[in-house]
N, C-alpha and C. Protein backbone atom coordinates (compact mmCIF):
# COMPACT_ATOMS: atom_id res chain seq x y z
N MET A 1 -2.72 -9.27 6.70
CA MET A 1 -3.55 -8.24 5.43
C MET A 1 -2.47 -8.65 4.94
N ALA A 2 -3.07 -8.08 3.53
CA ALA A 2 -2.00 -7.67 2.22
C ALA A 2 -1.26 -6.37 2.60
N PHE A 3 -0.97 -5.66 1.39
CA PHE A 3 -0.33 -4.74 1.41
C PHE A 3 0.10 -4.13 0.24
N ILE A 4 0.04 -3.74 -0.48
CA ILE A 4 0.26 -3.00 -1.72
C ILE A 4 0.85 -1.52 -1.23
N ASP A 5 1.84 -1.22 -1.20
CA ASP A 5 2.70 0.25 -1.19
C ASP A 5 1.93 1.00 -2.29
N TYR A 6 1.20 2.53 -2.39
CA TYR A 6 1.20 2.24 -3.28
C TYR A 6 2.05 3.99 -4.07
N ILE A 7 2.76 3.99 -5.53
CA ILE A 7 3.47 5.20 -5.99
C ILE A 7 2.65 6.73 -5.85
N SER A 8 3.91 7.40 -5.07
CA SER A 8 3.47 8.88 -4.29
C SER A 8 3.26 9.74 -5.87
N TYR A 9 3.11 10.92 -6.24
CA TYR A 9 2.27 11.72 -7.27
C TYR A 9 3.96 12.59 -6.97
N GLU A 10 4.85 12.98 -6.20
CA GLU A 10 5.93 13.53 -6.72
C GLU A 10 6.66 11.97 -7.61
N ASP A 11 6.63 10.85 -6.72
CA ASP A 11 7.13 9.54 -8.26
C ASP A 11 6.83 9.11 -9.22
N ALA A 12 5.87 9.57 -9.26
CA ALA A 12 5.21 9.03 -9.65
C ALA A 12 5.65 9.29 -11.53
N SER A 13 5.45 8.67 -12.86
CA SER A 13 5.84 8.83 -13.49
C SER A 13 4.55 9.68 -14.73
N ASP A 14 5.44 10.72 -15.87
CA ASP A 14 4.59 11.28 -16.57
C ASP A 14 2.87 10.96 -16.48
N LYS A 15 3.05 10.45 -17.32
CA LYS A 15 2.01 9.15 -17.95
C LYS A 15 1.35 9.07 -16.29
N LEU A 16 1.55 8.35 -15.21
CA LEU A 16 0.94 7.87 -14.28
C LEU A 16 0.15 9.80 -13.27
N LYS A 17 1.36 10.54 -13.42
CA LYS A 17 1.00 11.75 -13.21
C LYS A 17 -0.33 12.05 -14.03
N ALA A 18 -0.43 12.39 -15.20
CA ALA A 18 -1.68 11.72 -15.85
C ALA A 18 -2.68 11.66 -15.13
N LEU A 19 -2.72 9.92 -15.27
CA LEU A 19 -3.33 9.37 -14.73
C LEU A 19 -4.36 9.56 -13.65
N TYR A 20 -3.45 9.80 -12.21
CA TYR A 20 -3.70 10.79 -11.47
C TYR A 20 -4.30 12.18 -11.35
N ASP A 21 -4.28 12.53 -12.19
CA ASP A 21 -5.26 13.90 -12.44
C ASP A 21 -6.27 13.84 -12.91
N GLN A 22 -6.51 12.79 -13.88
CA GLN A 22 -7.66 12.56 -14.70
C GLN A 22 -8.19 11.64 -13.30
N TYR A 23 -8.36 11.44 -12.14
CA TYR A 23 -8.93 10.38 -11.21
C TYR A 23 -9.42 10.30 -10.46
N LYS A 24 -8.69 12.40 -9.93
CA LYS A 24 -9.01 12.42 -8.85
C LYS A 24 -10.39 13.20 -8.60
N GLY A 25 -11.44 13.02 -7.43
CA GLY A 25 -12.12 12.39 -7.12
C GLY A 25 -12.14 14.14 -6.48
N PRO A 26 -14.25 14.47 -5.89
CA PRO A 26 -14.59 15.48 -5.70
C PRO A 26 -13.94 16.30 -4.27
N ARG A 27 -12.49 15.22 -3.60
CA ARG A 27 -11.75 15.76 -2.57
C ARG A 27 -10.27 16.05 -3.50
N GLY A 28 -10.39 15.98 -4.13
CA GLY A 28 -8.91 16.00 -5.35
C GLY A 28 -7.98 14.57 -4.72
N THR A 29 -8.35 14.29 -4.73
CA THR A 29 -7.38 12.89 -4.17
C THR A 29 -8.07 12.06 -5.34
N VAL A 30 -6.76 10.15 -5.28
CA VAL A 30 -7.16 9.35 -5.58
C VAL A 30 -7.49 8.65 -5.17
N ALA A 31 -8.93 7.58 -5.33
CA ALA A 31 -9.13 6.82 -3.93
C ALA A 31 -8.15 5.20 -4.22
N ASN A 32 -7.70 4.89 -3.20
CA ASN A 32 -7.04 4.06 -2.69
C ASN A 32 -6.59 2.88 -3.87
N ILE A 33 -8.42 2.05 -4.15
CA ILE A 33 -8.57 1.17 -4.80
C ILE A 33 -8.03 1.62 -5.87
N VAL A 34 -7.92 2.68 -6.97
CA VAL A 34 -7.70 3.53 -8.16
C VAL A 34 -5.85 3.06 -7.57
N ARG A 35 -5.46 3.66 -6.69
CA ARG A 35 -3.65 4.16 -6.87
C ARG A 35 -2.91 2.90 -6.68
N ILE A 36 -3.96 1.76 -5.86
CA ILE A 36 -2.73 0.29 -6.17
C ILE A 36 -2.54 -0.46 -7.62
N ALA A 37 -2.63 0.10 -8.08
CA ALA A 37 -2.92 -0.36 -9.80
C ALA A 37 -1.74 1.06 -10.31
N GLY A 38 -0.60 1.78 -9.27
CA GLY A 38 -0.24 2.95 -9.97
C GLY A 38 1.14 2.29 -10.55
N PRO A 39 1.81 0.58 -10.18
CA PRO A 39 2.80 0.30 -10.96
C PRO A 39 2.53 -0.09 -12.21
N ASN A 40 0.95 -0.16 -12.80
CA ASN A 40 0.62 -0.71 -14.02
C ASN A 40 -0.62 -0.19 -14.20
N PRO A 41 0.18 1.48 -15.15
CA PRO A 41 -0.48 2.45 -15.34
C PRO A 41 -2.02 1.44 -16.59
N ALA A 42 -1.70 0.90 -17.27
CA ALA A 42 -2.69 0.27 -18.12
C ALA A 42 -4.15 -0.29 -17.83
N ALA A 43 -3.42 -0.86 -16.47
CA ALA A 43 -4.02 -1.44 -15.59
C ALA A 43 -5.61 -1.00 -14.87
N MET A 44 -4.78 0.49 -14.70
CA MET A 44 -5.40 1.87 -13.13
C MET A 44 -6.63 2.39 -14.83
N LYS A 45 -6.12 2.52 -16.07
CA LYS A 45 -7.18 3.07 -17.30
C LYS A 45 -8.24 1.92 -17.48
N GLY A 46 -7.17 0.42 -17.43
CA GLY A 46 -8.52 -0.86 -17.57
C GLY A 46 -9.83 -0.67 -16.72
N HIS A 47 -9.40 -0.73 -15.59
CA HIS A 47 -9.81 -0.68 -13.63
C HIS A 47 -10.85 -0.06 -13.72
N MET A 48 -10.52 1.86 -14.47
CA MET A 48 -11.41 2.81 -14.33
C MET A 48 -12.12 3.20 -15.33
N ASP A 49 -11.83 2.42 -16.85
CA ASP A 49 -12.85 2.68 -18.26
C ASP A 49 -13.83 0.92 -17.40
N MET A 50 -13.35 -0.21 -16.95
CA MET A 50 -14.86 -0.73 -16.74
C MET A 50 -15.57 -0.39 -15.69
N TYR A 51 -14.96 0.37 -14.50
CA TYR A 51 -15.73 0.91 -12.94
C TYR A 51 -17.01 1.46 -14.05
N ARG A 52 -16.31 2.83 -14.43
CA ARG A 52 -16.97 4.20 -15.04
C ARG A 52 -18.42 3.12 -16.45
N ALA A 53 -18.02 2.24 -16.99
CA ALA A 53 -18.51 1.38 -18.08
C ALA A 53 -20.17 0.74 -16.95
N ILE A 54 -19.28 0.07 -15.67
CA ILE A 54 -20.58 -1.02 -14.71
C ILE A 54 -21.08 0.52 -14.38
N MET A 55 -20.86 1.48 -14.01
CA MET A 55 -21.22 2.52 -12.39
C MET A 55 -22.68 3.27 -13.59
N PHE A 56 -21.69 3.92 -14.35
CA PHE A 56 -22.43 5.28 -14.95
C PHE A 56 -23.28 4.65 -16.49
N GLY A 57 -22.32 3.48 -17.19
CA GLY A 57 -23.35 3.09 -18.06
C GLY A 57 -24.34 2.34 -18.36
N LYS A 58 -24.88 2.64 -19.39
CA LYS A 58 -26.75 2.36 -20.05
C LYS A 58 -27.04 1.06 -19.18
N SER A 59 -27.52 0.97 -18.41
CA SER A 59 -28.13 -0.67 -17.49
C SER A 59 -29.88 -0.74 -17.38
N PRO A 60 -30.35 -1.96 -17.14
CA PRO A 60 -31.33 -2.19 -16.31
C PRO A 60 -31.72 -1.22 -14.95
N LEU A 61 -30.38 -1.67 -14.67
CA LEU A 61 -30.17 -1.15 -12.86
C LEU A 61 -30.36 0.32 -13.14
N SER A 62 -30.73 1.05 -11.94
CA SER A 62 -30.34 2.57 -11.95
C SER A 62 -29.04 2.38 -10.93
N ARG A 63 -29.08 4.04 -10.83
CA ARG A 63 -27.07 3.99 -10.28
C ARG A 63 -27.41 3.89 -8.65
N HIS A 64 -28.59 3.70 -7.78
CA HIS A 64 -28.98 3.35 -6.45
C HIS A 64 -28.56 1.88 -6.48
N GLN A 65 -28.69 1.14 -7.36
CA GLN A 65 -29.11 -0.22 -7.25
C GLN A 65 -27.88 -0.78 -7.37
N ARG A 66 -26.63 -0.36 -8.45
CA ARG A 66 -25.53 -0.49 -9.02
C ARG A 66 -24.83 0.21 -7.53
N GLU A 67 -25.22 0.82 -6.69
CA GLU A 67 -24.33 0.86 -5.54
C GLU A 67 -24.59 0.47 -4.59
N MET A 68 -25.46 -0.45 -4.29
CA MET A 68 -25.82 -0.88 -3.44
C MET A 68 -26.00 -2.75 -3.82
N ILE A 69 -25.36 -3.48 -4.47
CA ILE A 69 -24.88 -4.20 -5.11
C ILE A 69 -23.45 -4.31 -5.21
N ALA A 70 -23.10 -2.69 -4.71
CA ALA A 70 -20.94 -3.05 -4.27
C ALA A 70 -21.17 -3.25 -2.91
N VAL A 71 -21.65 -2.48 -2.67
CA VAL A 71 -21.92 -2.00 -1.01
C VAL A 71 -22.05 -3.47 -0.06
N VAL A 72 -23.28 -4.35 -0.98
CA VAL A 72 -22.90 -5.93 -0.25
C VAL A 72 -22.25 -6.95 -0.66
N VAL A 73 -21.63 -6.70 -1.83
CA VAL A 73 -20.35 -7.33 -2.33
C VAL A 73 -19.69 -7.25 -1.65
N SER A 74 -18.82 -5.59 -1.71
CA SER A 74 -17.55 -5.13 -0.41
C SER A 74 -18.03 -6.32 0.95
N SER A 75 -19.27 -5.94 1.56
CA SER A 75 -19.53 -6.64 2.88
C SER A 75 -19.04 -8.36 2.76
N ILE A 76 -19.63 -8.42 2.23
CA ILE A 76 -18.99 -10.54 2.23
C ILE A 76 -17.77 -10.50 1.79
N ASN A 77 -17.05 -9.35 0.96
CA ASN A 77 -15.88 -10.01 1.24
C ASN A 77 -15.21 -9.23 1.99
N GLN A 78 -15.82 -8.70 3.14
CA GLN A 78 -15.19 -7.92 3.65
C GLN A 78 -14.32 -6.82 3.72
N CYS A 79 -14.66 -6.42 2.54
CA CYS A 79 -13.66 -4.91 1.80
C CYS A 79 -14.17 -3.75 2.34
N HIS A 80 -13.46 -3.03 2.67
CA HIS A 80 -14.06 -1.70 3.28
C HIS A 80 -14.12 -0.42 2.11
N TYR A 81 -13.37 -0.88 1.25
CA TYR A 81 -14.14 -0.24 -0.45
C TYR A 81 -15.93 -0.49 -1.31
């Protein structure tokens, strides 16, 4: 199984710390799926912009339907995210 090291908040650059702060969830933490892009803050921002557009942007699919699709795709890919 592949493993990607995360950059801790304490070791993050100011730019990365700002992104970590921006992308904290309701529990005050950043999801690991977001943190893997830490070495490339521009990729992290791009990932989150795309995620927000897909999950929250205007669409004929409801938010519930989008979440169901994400769960099925993750299951097929054997990804716990």
